[in-house]
C-alpha atoms as a PDB file:
ATOM      1  CA  MET A   1      91.463  30.770 161.396  1.00  0.00           C
ATOM      2  CA  ASN A   2      88.960  27.924 161.028  1.00  0.00           C
ATOM      3  CA  ALA A   3      89.589  24.241 160.395  1.00  0.00           C
ATOM      4  CA  LEU A   4      88.884  24.488 156.671  1.00  0.00           C
ATOM      5  CA  GLU A   5      91.463  27.230 156.250  1.00  0.00           C
ATOM      6  CA  THR A   6      94.201  25.094 157.787  1.00  0.00           C
ATOM      7  CA  ARG A   7      93.422  21.805 156.007  1.00  0.00           C
ATOM      8  CA  ILE A   8      95.510  22.575 152.954  1.00  0.00           C
ATOM      9  CA  PRO A   9      96.780  19.732 150.750  1.00  0.00           C
ATOM     10  CA  LEU A  10     100.551  19.598 150.318  1.00  0.00           C
ATOM     11  CA  VAL A  11     102.361  18.175 147.288  1.00  0.00           C
ATOM     12  CA  VAL A  12     106.041  17.433 148.017  1.00  0.00           C
ATOM     13  CA  VAL A  13     108.402  16.653 145.122  1.00  0.00           C
ATOM     14  CA  GLY A  14     111.809  15.141 145.830  1.00  0.00           C
ATOM     15  CA  GLY A  15     115.013  15.695 143.912  1.00  0.00           C
ATOM     16  CA  TRP A  16     117.574  13.714 141.930  1.00  0.00           C
ATOM     17  CA  GLY A  17     118.149  10.265 143.385  1.00  0.00           C
ATOM     18  CA  VAL A  18     116.460  10.983 146.722  1.00  0.00           C
ATOM     19  CA  ASP A  19     113.273   9.789 148.389  1.00  0.00           C
ATOM     20  CA  ALA A  20     110.739  12.550 149.024  1.00  0.00           C
ATOM     21  CA  ALA A  21     109.980  10.836 152.344  1.00  0.00           C
ATOM     22  CA  MET A  22     113.297  12.213 153.615  1.00  0.00           C
ATOM     23  CA  LEU A  23     111.413  15.507 154.014  1.00  0.00           C
ATOM     24  CA  LEU A  24     108.633  14.118 156.216  1.00  0.00           C
ATOM     25  CA  PRO A  25     110.155  15.426 159.481  1.00  0.00           C
ATOM     26  CA  LEU A  26     109.917  18.937 158.039  1.00  0.00           C
ATOM     27  CA  PHE A  27     106.177  18.593 157.470  1.00  0.00           C
ATOM     28  CA  ASP A  28     105.347  16.637 160.604  1.00  0.00           C
ATOM     29  CA  ARG A  29     101.728  17.326 161.657  1.00  0.00           C
ATOM     30  CA  TRP A  30     100.969  19.314 158.507  1.00  0.00           C
ATOM     31  CA  PRO A  31      97.229  20.141 158.757  1.00  0.00           C
ATOM     32  CA  GLY A  32      96.108  18.444 155.584  1.00  0.00           C
ATOM     33  CA  GLU A  33      96.778  15.596 153.198  1.00  0.00           C
ATOM     34  CA  ILE A  34     100.404  15.161 152.085  1.00  0.00           C
ATOM     35  CA  HIS A  35     101.303  13.733 148.677  1.00  0.00           C
ATOM     36  CA  LEU A  36     104.940  12.597 148.469  1.00  0.00           C
ATOM     37  CA  ILE A  37     106.350  12.460 144.940  1.00  0.00           C
ATOM     38  CA  SER A  38     109.767  10.963 144.273  1.00  0.00           C
ATOM     39  CA  LEU A  39     111.414  11.151 140.860  1.00  0.00           C
ATOM     40  CA  ASN A  40     111.362   7.365 140.579  1.00  0.00           C
ATOM     41  CA  ASP A  41     111.378   4.997 137.611  1.00  0.00           C
ATOM     42  CA  ALA A  42     107.598   4.966 137.264  1.00  0.00           C
ATOM     43  CA  LEU A  43     107.511   8.743 136.889  1.00  0.00           C
ATOM     44  CA  MET A  44     110.675   9.333 134.899  1.00  0.00           C
ATOM     45  CA  SER A  45     109.985   6.539 132.431  1.00  0.00           C
ATOM     46  CA  ARG A  46     106.796   8.244 131.294  1.00  0.00           C
ATOM     47  CA  CYS A  47     108.191  11.787 131.078  1.00  0.00           C
ATOM     48  CA  ASP A  48     110.908  13.298 128.903  1.00  0.00           C
ATOM     49  CA  SER A  49     111.478  16.581 130.721  1.00  0.00           C
ATOM     50  CA  VAL A  50     110.885  18.555 133.893  1.00  0.00           C
ATOM     51  CA  THR A  51     107.918  20.222 132.205  1.00  0.00           C
ATOM     52  CA  GLU A  52     106.341  16.875 131.353  1.00  0.00           C
ATOM     53  CA  VAL A  53     106.712  15.766 134.974  1.00  0.00           C
ATOM     54  CA  ALA A  54     105.005  18.985 136.073  1.00  0.00           C
ATOM     55  CA  ASP A  55     102.141  18.485 133.615  1.00  0.00           C
ATOM     56  CA  TYR A  56     101.646  14.892 134.737  1.00  0.00           C
ATOM     57  CA  LEU A  57     101.524  15.894 138.403  1.00  0.00           C
ATOM     58  CA  LEU A  58      99.084  18.717 137.684  1.00  0.00           C
ATOM     59  CA  GLU A  59      96.760  16.121 136.159  1.00  0.00           C
ATOM     60  CA  ARG A  60      97.099  13.861 139.192  1.00  0.00           C
ATOM     61  CA  TYR A  61      96.651  16.607 141.799  1.00  0.00           C
ATOM     62  CA  PRO A  62      94.058  19.055 140.441  1.00  0.00           C
ATOM     63  CA  CYS A  63      92.927  20.489 143.788  1.00  0.00           C
ATOM     64  CA  PRO A  64      94.432  23.807 144.939  1.00  0.00           C
ATOM     65  CA  SER A  65      97.436  22.895 147.081  1.00  0.00           C
ATOM     66  CA  VAL A  66     100.716  24.127 148.444  1.00  0.00           C
ATOM     67  CA  TRP A  67     103.545  22.597 146.416  1.00  0.00           C
ATOM     68  CA  ALA A  68     107.051  22.104 147.849  1.00  0.00           C
ATOM     69  CA  GLY A  69     110.085  20.972 145.859  1.00  0.00           C
ATOM     70  CA  TRP A  70     113.478  19.851 147.081  1.00  0.00           C
ATOM     71  CA  SER A  71     116.561  20.319 144.877  1.00  0.00           C
ATOM     72  CA  GLN A  72     115.604  19.183 141.356  1.00  0.00           C
ATOM     73  CA  GLY A  73     112.058  18.853 142.652  1.00  0.00           C
ATOM     74  CA  ALA A  74     112.049  22.637 143.023  1.00  0.00           C
ATOM     75  CA  GLN A  75     112.286  22.943 139.244  1.00  0.00           C
ATOM     76  CA  VAL A  76     109.318  20.593 138.879  1.00  0.00           C
ATOM     77  CA  VAL A  77     107.275  22.636 141.348  1.00  0.00           C
ATOM     78  CA  MET A  78     108.137  25.941 139.693  1.00  0.00           C
ATOM     79  CA  ALA A  79     107.254  24.529 136.273  1.00  0.00           C
ATOM     80  CA  ALA A  80     103.937  23.327 137.695  1.00  0.00           C
ATOM     81  CA  ALA A  81     103.263  26.723 139.270  1.00  0.00           C
ATOM     82  CA  SER A  82     103.858  28.457 135.950  1.00  0.00           C
ATOM     83  CA  ARG A  83     101.402  26.142 134.189  1.00  0.00           C
ATOM     84  CA  GLY A  84      98.720  25.655 136.835  1.00  0.00           C
ATOM     85  CA  PHE A  85      98.027  28.876 138.726  1.00  0.00           C
ATOM     86  CA  ALA A  86      94.729  27.517 140.072  1.00  0.00           C
ATOM     87  CA  GLN A  87      96.293  24.318 141.379  1.00  0.00           C
ATOM     88  CA  VAL A  88      99.530  25.656 142.875  1.00  0.00           C
ATOM     89  CA  SER A  89      98.273  28.192 145.401  1.00  0.00           C
ATOM     90  CA  LYS A  90     101.748  28.687 146.885  1.00  0.00           C
ATOM     91  CA  ALA A  91     105.159  27.263 146.030  1.00  0.00           C
ATOM     92  CA  ILE A  92     108.086  26.416 148.307  1.00  0.00           C
ATOM     93  CA  THR A  93     111.595  25.504 147.169  1.00  0.00           C
ATOM     94  CA  LEU A  94     114.103  23.790 149.453  1.00  0.00           C
ATOM     95  CA  ALA A  95     117.764  24.040 148.412  1.00  0.00           C
ATOM     96  CA  GLY A  96     116.354  24.750 144.965  1.00  0.00           C
ATOM     97  CA  PHE A  97     117.787  26.488 141.934  1.00  0.00           C
ATOM     98  CA  PRO A  98     116.517  27.859 138.631  1.00  0.00           C
ATOM     99  CA  ARG A  99     119.656  26.538 136.936  1.00  0.00           C
ATOM    100  CA  PHE A 100     121.916  23.773 138.250  1.00  0.00           C
ATOM    101  CA  VAL A 101     125.060  24.190 136.167  1.00  0.00           C
ATOM    102  CA  ALA A 102     127.076  27.405 136.312  1.00  0.00           C
ATOM    103  CA  GLY A 103     127.171  29.529 133.188  1.00  0.00           C
ATOM    104  CA  PRO A 104     127.044  33.102 131.905  1.00  0.00           C
ATOM    105  CA  GLN A 105     125.473  35.365 134.536  1.00  0.00           C
ATOM    106  CA  TRP A 106     124.950  32.329 136.762  1.00  0.00           C
ATOM    107  CA  PRO A 107     127.918  31.763 139.090  1.00  0.00           C
ATOM    108  CA  ALA A 108     125.885  29.968 141.765  1.00  0.00           C
ATOM    109  CA  GLY A 109     125.604  26.658 139.907  1.00  0.00           C
ATOM    110  CA  MET A 110     127.870  23.648 139.944  1.00  0.00           C
ATOM    111  CA  THR A 111     130.834  24.231 137.641  1.00  0.00           C
ATOM    112  CA  ALA A 112     130.484  22.628 134.222  1.00  0.00           C
ATOM    113  CA  ASP A 113     133.681  20.608 134.719  1.00  0.00           C
ATOM    114  CA  THR A 114     132.484  19.207 138.040  1.00  0.00           C
ATOM    115  CA  PHE A 115     129.086  18.391 136.583  1.00  0.00           C
ATOM    116  CA  GLU A 116     130.561  16.580 133.583  1.00  0.00           C
ATOM    117  CA  ALA A 117     132.930  14.644 135.843  1.00  0.00           C
ATOM    118  CA  PHE A 118     130.005  13.540 137.991  1.00  0.00           C
ATOM    119  CA  ARG A 119     127.982  12.599 134.917  1.00  0.00           C
ATOM    120  CA  GLU A 120     130.905  10.421 133.818  1.00  0.00           C
ATOM    121  CA  GLN A 121     130.995   8.764 137.253  1.00  0.00           C
ATOM    122  CA  VAL A 122     127.284   7.974 136.973  1.00  0.00           C
ATOM    123  CA  SER A 123     127.788   6.415 133.543  1.00  0.00           C
ATOM    124  CA  GLN A 124     130.647   4.229 134.822  1.00  0.00           C
ATOM    125  CA  ASN A 125     129.353   3.275 138.279  1.00  0.00           C
ATOM    126  CA  ALA A 126     125.957   4.760 139.068  1.00  0.00           C
ATOM    127  CA  GLY A 127     125.662   3.119 142.481  1.00  0.00           C
ATOM    128  CA  PHE A 128     128.962   4.521 143.698  1.00  0.00           C
ATOM    129  CA  ALA A 129     128.188   7.982 142.305  1.00  0.00           C
ATOM    130  CA  TRP A 130     124.745   7.922 143.917  1.00  0.00           C
ATOM    131  CA  ARG A 131     126.205   7.067 147.342  1.00  0.00           C
ATOM    132  CA  ARG A 132     128.768   9.842 146.958  1.00  0.00           C
ATOM    133  CA  PHE A 133     125.990  12.313 146.190  1.00  0.00           C
ATOM    134  CA  GLN A 134     124.036  11.199 149.255  1.00  0.00           C
ATOM    135  CA  GLN A 135     127.047  12.061 151.409  1.00  0.00           C
ATOM    136  CA  LEU A 136     127.079  15.557 149.915  1.00  0.00           C
ATOM    137  CA  LEU A 137     123.533  16.066 151.223  1.00  0.00           C
ATOM    138  CA  ILE A 138     124.892  16.294 154.769  1.00  0.00           C
ATOM    139  CA  HIS A 139     128.413  17.600 154.143  1.00  0.00           C
ATOM    140  CA  GLY A 140     129.031  20.525 156.482  1.00  0.00           C
ATOM    141  CA  CYS A 141     126.383  19.592 159.052  1.00  0.00           C
ATOM    142  CA  PRO A 142     127.285  20.845 162.541  1.00  0.00           C
ATOM    143  CA  ASP A 143     126.093  17.474 163.910  1.00  0.00           C
ATOM    144  CA  GLY A 144     127.932  15.210 161.520  1.00  0.00           C
ATOM    145  CA  SER A 145     127.628  12.005 163.560  1.00  0.00           C
ATOM    146  CA  GLN A 146     123.871  12.388 163.959  1.00  0.00           C
ATOM    147  CA  ALA A 147     123.482  13.322 160.292  1.00  0.00           C
ATOM    148  CA  ARG A 148     125.334  10.194 159.173  1.00  0.00           C
ATOM    149  CA  GLN A 149     123.134   8.088 161.430  1.00  0.00           C
ATOM    150  CA  GLU A 150     119.979   9.611 159.928  1.00  0.00           C
ATOM    151  CA  LEU A 151     121.280   9.112 156.390  1.00  0.00           C
ATOM    152  CA  ARG A 152     122.264   5.467 156.924  1.00  0.00           C
ATOM    153  CA  PRO A 153     118.812   3.869 156.384  1.00  0.00           C
ATOM    154  CA  TRP A 154     118.314   5.835 153.172  1.00  0.00           C
ATOM    155  CA  LEU A 155     121.683   4.661 151.905  1.00  0.00           C
ATOM    156  CA  ALA A 156     120.751   1.078 152.770  1.00  0.00           C
ATOM    157  CA  ARG A 157     117.614   1.282 150.626  1.00  0.00           C
ATOM    158  CA  GLY A 158     119.572   2.307 147.575  1.00  0.00           C
ATOM    159  CA  PRO A 159     118.414   4.557 144.733  1.00  0.00           C
ATOM    160  CA  LEU A 160     114.758   4.697 143.699  1.00  0.00           C
ATOM    161  CA  VAL A 161     115.663   4.795 140.025  1.00  0.00           C
ATOM    162  CA  SER A 162     117.582   2.719 137.530  1.00  0.00           C
ATOM    163  CA  ASP A 163     121.029   3.693 136.320  1.00  0.00           C
ATOM    164  CA  LEU A 164     119.420   4.835 133.074  1.00  0.00           C
ATOM    165  CA  ASN A 165     117.037   7.217 134.814  1.00  0.00           C
ATOM    166  CA  LEU A 166     119.747   8.543 137.111  1.00  0.00           C
ATOM    167  CA  ALA A 167     121.573   9.550 133.937  1.00  0.00           C
ATOM    168  CA  ARG A 168     118.384  11.011 132.429  1.00  0.00           C
ATOM    169  CA  GLY A 169     117.833  13.064 135.550  1.00  0.00           C
ATOM    170  CA  LEU A 170     121.320  14.492 135.157  1.00  0.00           C
ATOM    171  CA  ASP A 171     120.526  15.350 131.550  1.00  0.00           C
ATOM    172  CA  TRP A 172     117.566  17.378 132.798  1.00  0.00           C
ATOM    173  CA  LEU A 173     119.745  19.101 135.385  1.00  0.00           C
ATOM    174  CA  GLY A 174     122.270  19.970 132.717  1.00  0.00           C
ATOM    175  CA  SER A 175     119.772  21.525 130.331  1.00  0.00           C
ATOM    176  CA  GLU A 176     117.034  23.100 132.470  1.00  0.00           C
ATOM    177  CA  ASP A 177     117.268  26.880 132.884  1.00  0.00           C
ATOM    178  CA  GLN A 178     114.284  28.466 134.635  1.00  0.00           C
ATOM    179  CA  ARG A 179     115.703  31.880 135.446  1.00  0.00           C
ATOM    180  CA  SER A 180     113.126  33.717 133.350  1.00  0.00           C
ATOM    181  CA  LEU A 181     110.325  31.632 134.828  1.00  0.00           C
ATOM    182  CA  TRP A 182     111.423  32.270 138.424  1.00  0.00           C
ATOM    183  CA  SER A 183     111.791  35.990 137.755  1.00  0.00           C
ATOM    184  CA  ALA A 184     108.235  36.392 136.479  1.00  0.00           C
ATOM    185  CA  LEU A 185     106.199  33.757 138.331  1.00  0.00           C
ATOM    186  CA  PRO A 186     102.963  35.322 139.668  1.00  0.00           C
ATOM    187  CA  VAL A 187     102.487  32.610 142.313  1.00  0.00           C
ATOM    188  CA  PRO A 188     103.563  33.436 145.912  1.00  0.00           C
ATOM    189  CA  THR A 189     106.813  31.579 146.485  1.00  0.00           C
ATOM    190  CA  LEU A 190     109.148  30.907 149.404  1.00  0.00           C
ATOM    191  CA  HIS A 191     112.740  29.985 148.527  1.00  0.00           C
ATOM    192  CA  LEU A 192     114.605  28.388 151.446  1.00  0.00           C
ATOM    193  CA  GLN A 193     118.319  28.410 150.675  1.00  0.00           C
ATOM    194  CA  ALA A 194     120.915  26.331 152.524  1.00  0.00           C
ATOM    195  CA  SER A 195     123.799  28.355 153.926  1.00  0.00           C
ATOM    196  CA  GLU A 196     126.094  25.297 154.091  1.00  0.00           C
ATOM    197  CA  ASP A 197     125.099  23.714 150.775  1.00  0.00           C
ATOM    198  CA  VAL A 198     128.035  22.143 148.918  1.00  0.00           C
ATOM    199  CA  VAL A 199     125.914  20.878 146.020  1.00  0.00           C
ATOM    200  CA  VAL A 200     124.882  24.346 144.831  1.00  0.00           C
ATOM    201  CA  GLN A 201     125.724  27.778 146.184  1.00  0.00           C
ATOM    202  CA  CYS A 202     123.194  30.176 147.650  1.00  0.00           C
ATOM    203  CA  TRP A 203     122.002  32.562 144.968  1.00  0.00           C
ATOM    204  CA  GLU A 204     120.107  35.083 147.115  1.00  0.00           C
ATOM    205  CA  HIS A 205     122.610  37.887 146.371  1.00  0.00           C
ATOM    206  CA  THR A 206     123.150  37.125 142.677  1.00  0.00           C
ATOM    207  CA  PHE A 207     119.643  36.425 141.391  1.00  0.00           C
ATOM    208  CA  HIS A 208     116.327  38.157 141.970  1.00  0.00           C
ATOM    209  CA  PRO A 209     113.160  36.072 141.666  1.00  0.00           C
ATOM    210  CA  SER A 210     109.693  37.566 141.238  1.00  0.00           C
ATOM    211  CA  GLN A 211     108.633  40.474 143.426  1.00  0.00           C
ATOM    212  CA  ILE A 212     106.157  38.319 145.339  1.00  0.00           C
ATOM    213  CA  ALA A 213     108.809  35.714 146.184  1.00  0.00           C
ATOM    214  CA  LYS A 214     110.629  35.591 149.518  1.00  0.00           C
ATOM    215  CA  VAL A 215     114.184  34.261 149.774  1.00  0.00           C
ATOM    216  CA  VAL A 216     115.578  33.048 153.096  1.00  0.00           C
ATOM    217  CA  SER A 217     119.058  31.665 153.715  1.00  0.00           C
ATOM    218  CA  VAL A 218     118.757  29.145 156.551  1.00  0.00           C
ATOM    219  CA  PRO A 219     121.835  29.110 158.833  1.00  0.00           C
ATOM    220  CA  GLY A 220     123.451  25.709 159.261  1.00  0.00           C
ATOM    221  CA  MET A 221     121.327  24.053 156.581  1.00  0.00           C
ATOM    222  CA  THR A 222     122.970  21.704 154.086  1.00  0.00           C
ATOM    223  CA  HIS A 223     121.401  20.353 150.891  1.00  0.00           C
ATOM    224  CA  TRP A 224     119.155  18.056 152.970  1.00  0.00           C
ATOM    225  CA  PRO A 225     116.910  20.145 155.262  1.00  0.00           C
ATOM    226  CA  ARG A 226     117.333  18.404 158.601  1.00  0.00           C
ATOM    227  CA  GLY A 227     118.650  18.789 162.134  1.00  0.00           C
ATOM    228  CA  GLN A 228     118.677  22.263 163.638  1.00  0.00           C
ATOM    229  CA  ALA A 229     117.634  23.783 160.314  1.00  0.00           C
ATOM    230  CA  LEU A 230     114.221  22.097 160.541  1.00  0.00           C
ATOM    231  CA  SER A 231     112.975  24.537 163.162  1.00  0.00           C
ATOM    232  CA  ARG A 232     113.810  27.616 161.075  1.00  0.00           C
ATOM    233  CA  CYS A 233     112.380  26.041 157.913  1.00  0.00           C
ATOM    234  CA  HIS A 234     109.247  25.037 159.794  1.00  0.00           C
ATOM    235  CA  ASP A 235     108.717  28.576 161.112  1.00  0.00           C
ATOM    236  CA  GLU A 236     109.303  30.187 157.722  1.00  0.00           C
ATOM    237  CA  ILE A 237     106.893  27.794 155.994  1.00  0.00           C
ATOM    238  CA  LEU A 238     104.262  28.299 158.668  1.00  0.00           C
ATOM    239  CA  ARG A 239     104.350  32.082 158.329  1.00  0.00           C
ATOM    240  CA  PHE A 240     104.426  31.891 154.545  1.00  0.00           C
ATOM    241  CA  VAL A 241     101.473  29.538 154.183  1.00  0.00           C
ATOM    242  CA  PHE A 242      99.232  30.658 157.027  1.00  0.00           C
ATOM    243  CA  GLY A 243     100.366  34.239 157.535  1.00  0.00           C
ATOM    244  CA  LYS A 244     100.433  34.000 161.301  1.00  0.00           C
ATOM    245  CA  GLU A 245     101.731  31.945 164.189  1.00  0.00           C
ATOM    246  CA  VAL A 246      99.711  28.734 164.311  1.00  0.00           C
ATOM    247  CA  GLN A 247     100.414  25.155 165.288  1.00  0.00           C
ATOM    248  CA  TRP A 248     100.359  22.328 162.746  1.00  0.00           C
ATOM    249  CA  THR A 249      97.860  20.210 164.647  1.00  0.00           C
ATOM    250  CA  LEU A 250      95.010  18.159 163.238  1.00  0.00           C
END
């Protein structure tokens, strides 16, 4: 493998109410340029849907790249992959889902009652609801004390988006259903599921994505890929992108 083969740009899209920079430890020493995209006010104020976000990002990042999406960001990445085959060479989802809310033939989502209750909390006190959601990112971590310490600075910074756009992001989560897209996507995809996720359940046994997709349930991983789960995620991504054991060194 030569240097040009390993210098692959990476586009990383964060999820609802989170900073994409929270994923930087996962991509430490990635051999190429990294573009971190958070679903912040600047982005959400100019887009009316997940698809519009995907189209906007495809315009901004036209070079062939690996795209990785976390949580709601996974839906953005998959939408981009379906609309820009030449630009999204490979797709990676982290604690992602084709549909967020449970429904017919989709038991893995958040129950509709729970989702509506959370939406109501956001409308009444968005800051409190946002902090509660951040705690769910690490709920179930085997190293709870360390996880809380790592989460603390992100909590101190507060949300990246206004109350209005937090609510709009929930509207997107409530309406987006990409099951057909995920089932037929011709782009090589790696789905890294979190075995300890309390935000959404693992769907590896109830939903079958495209034949060229690989689904891996990462032991000990919660909705935020961190801690001991980083090593497994790192290894799976490395094999998926490069096809062999290599080191991410520049």
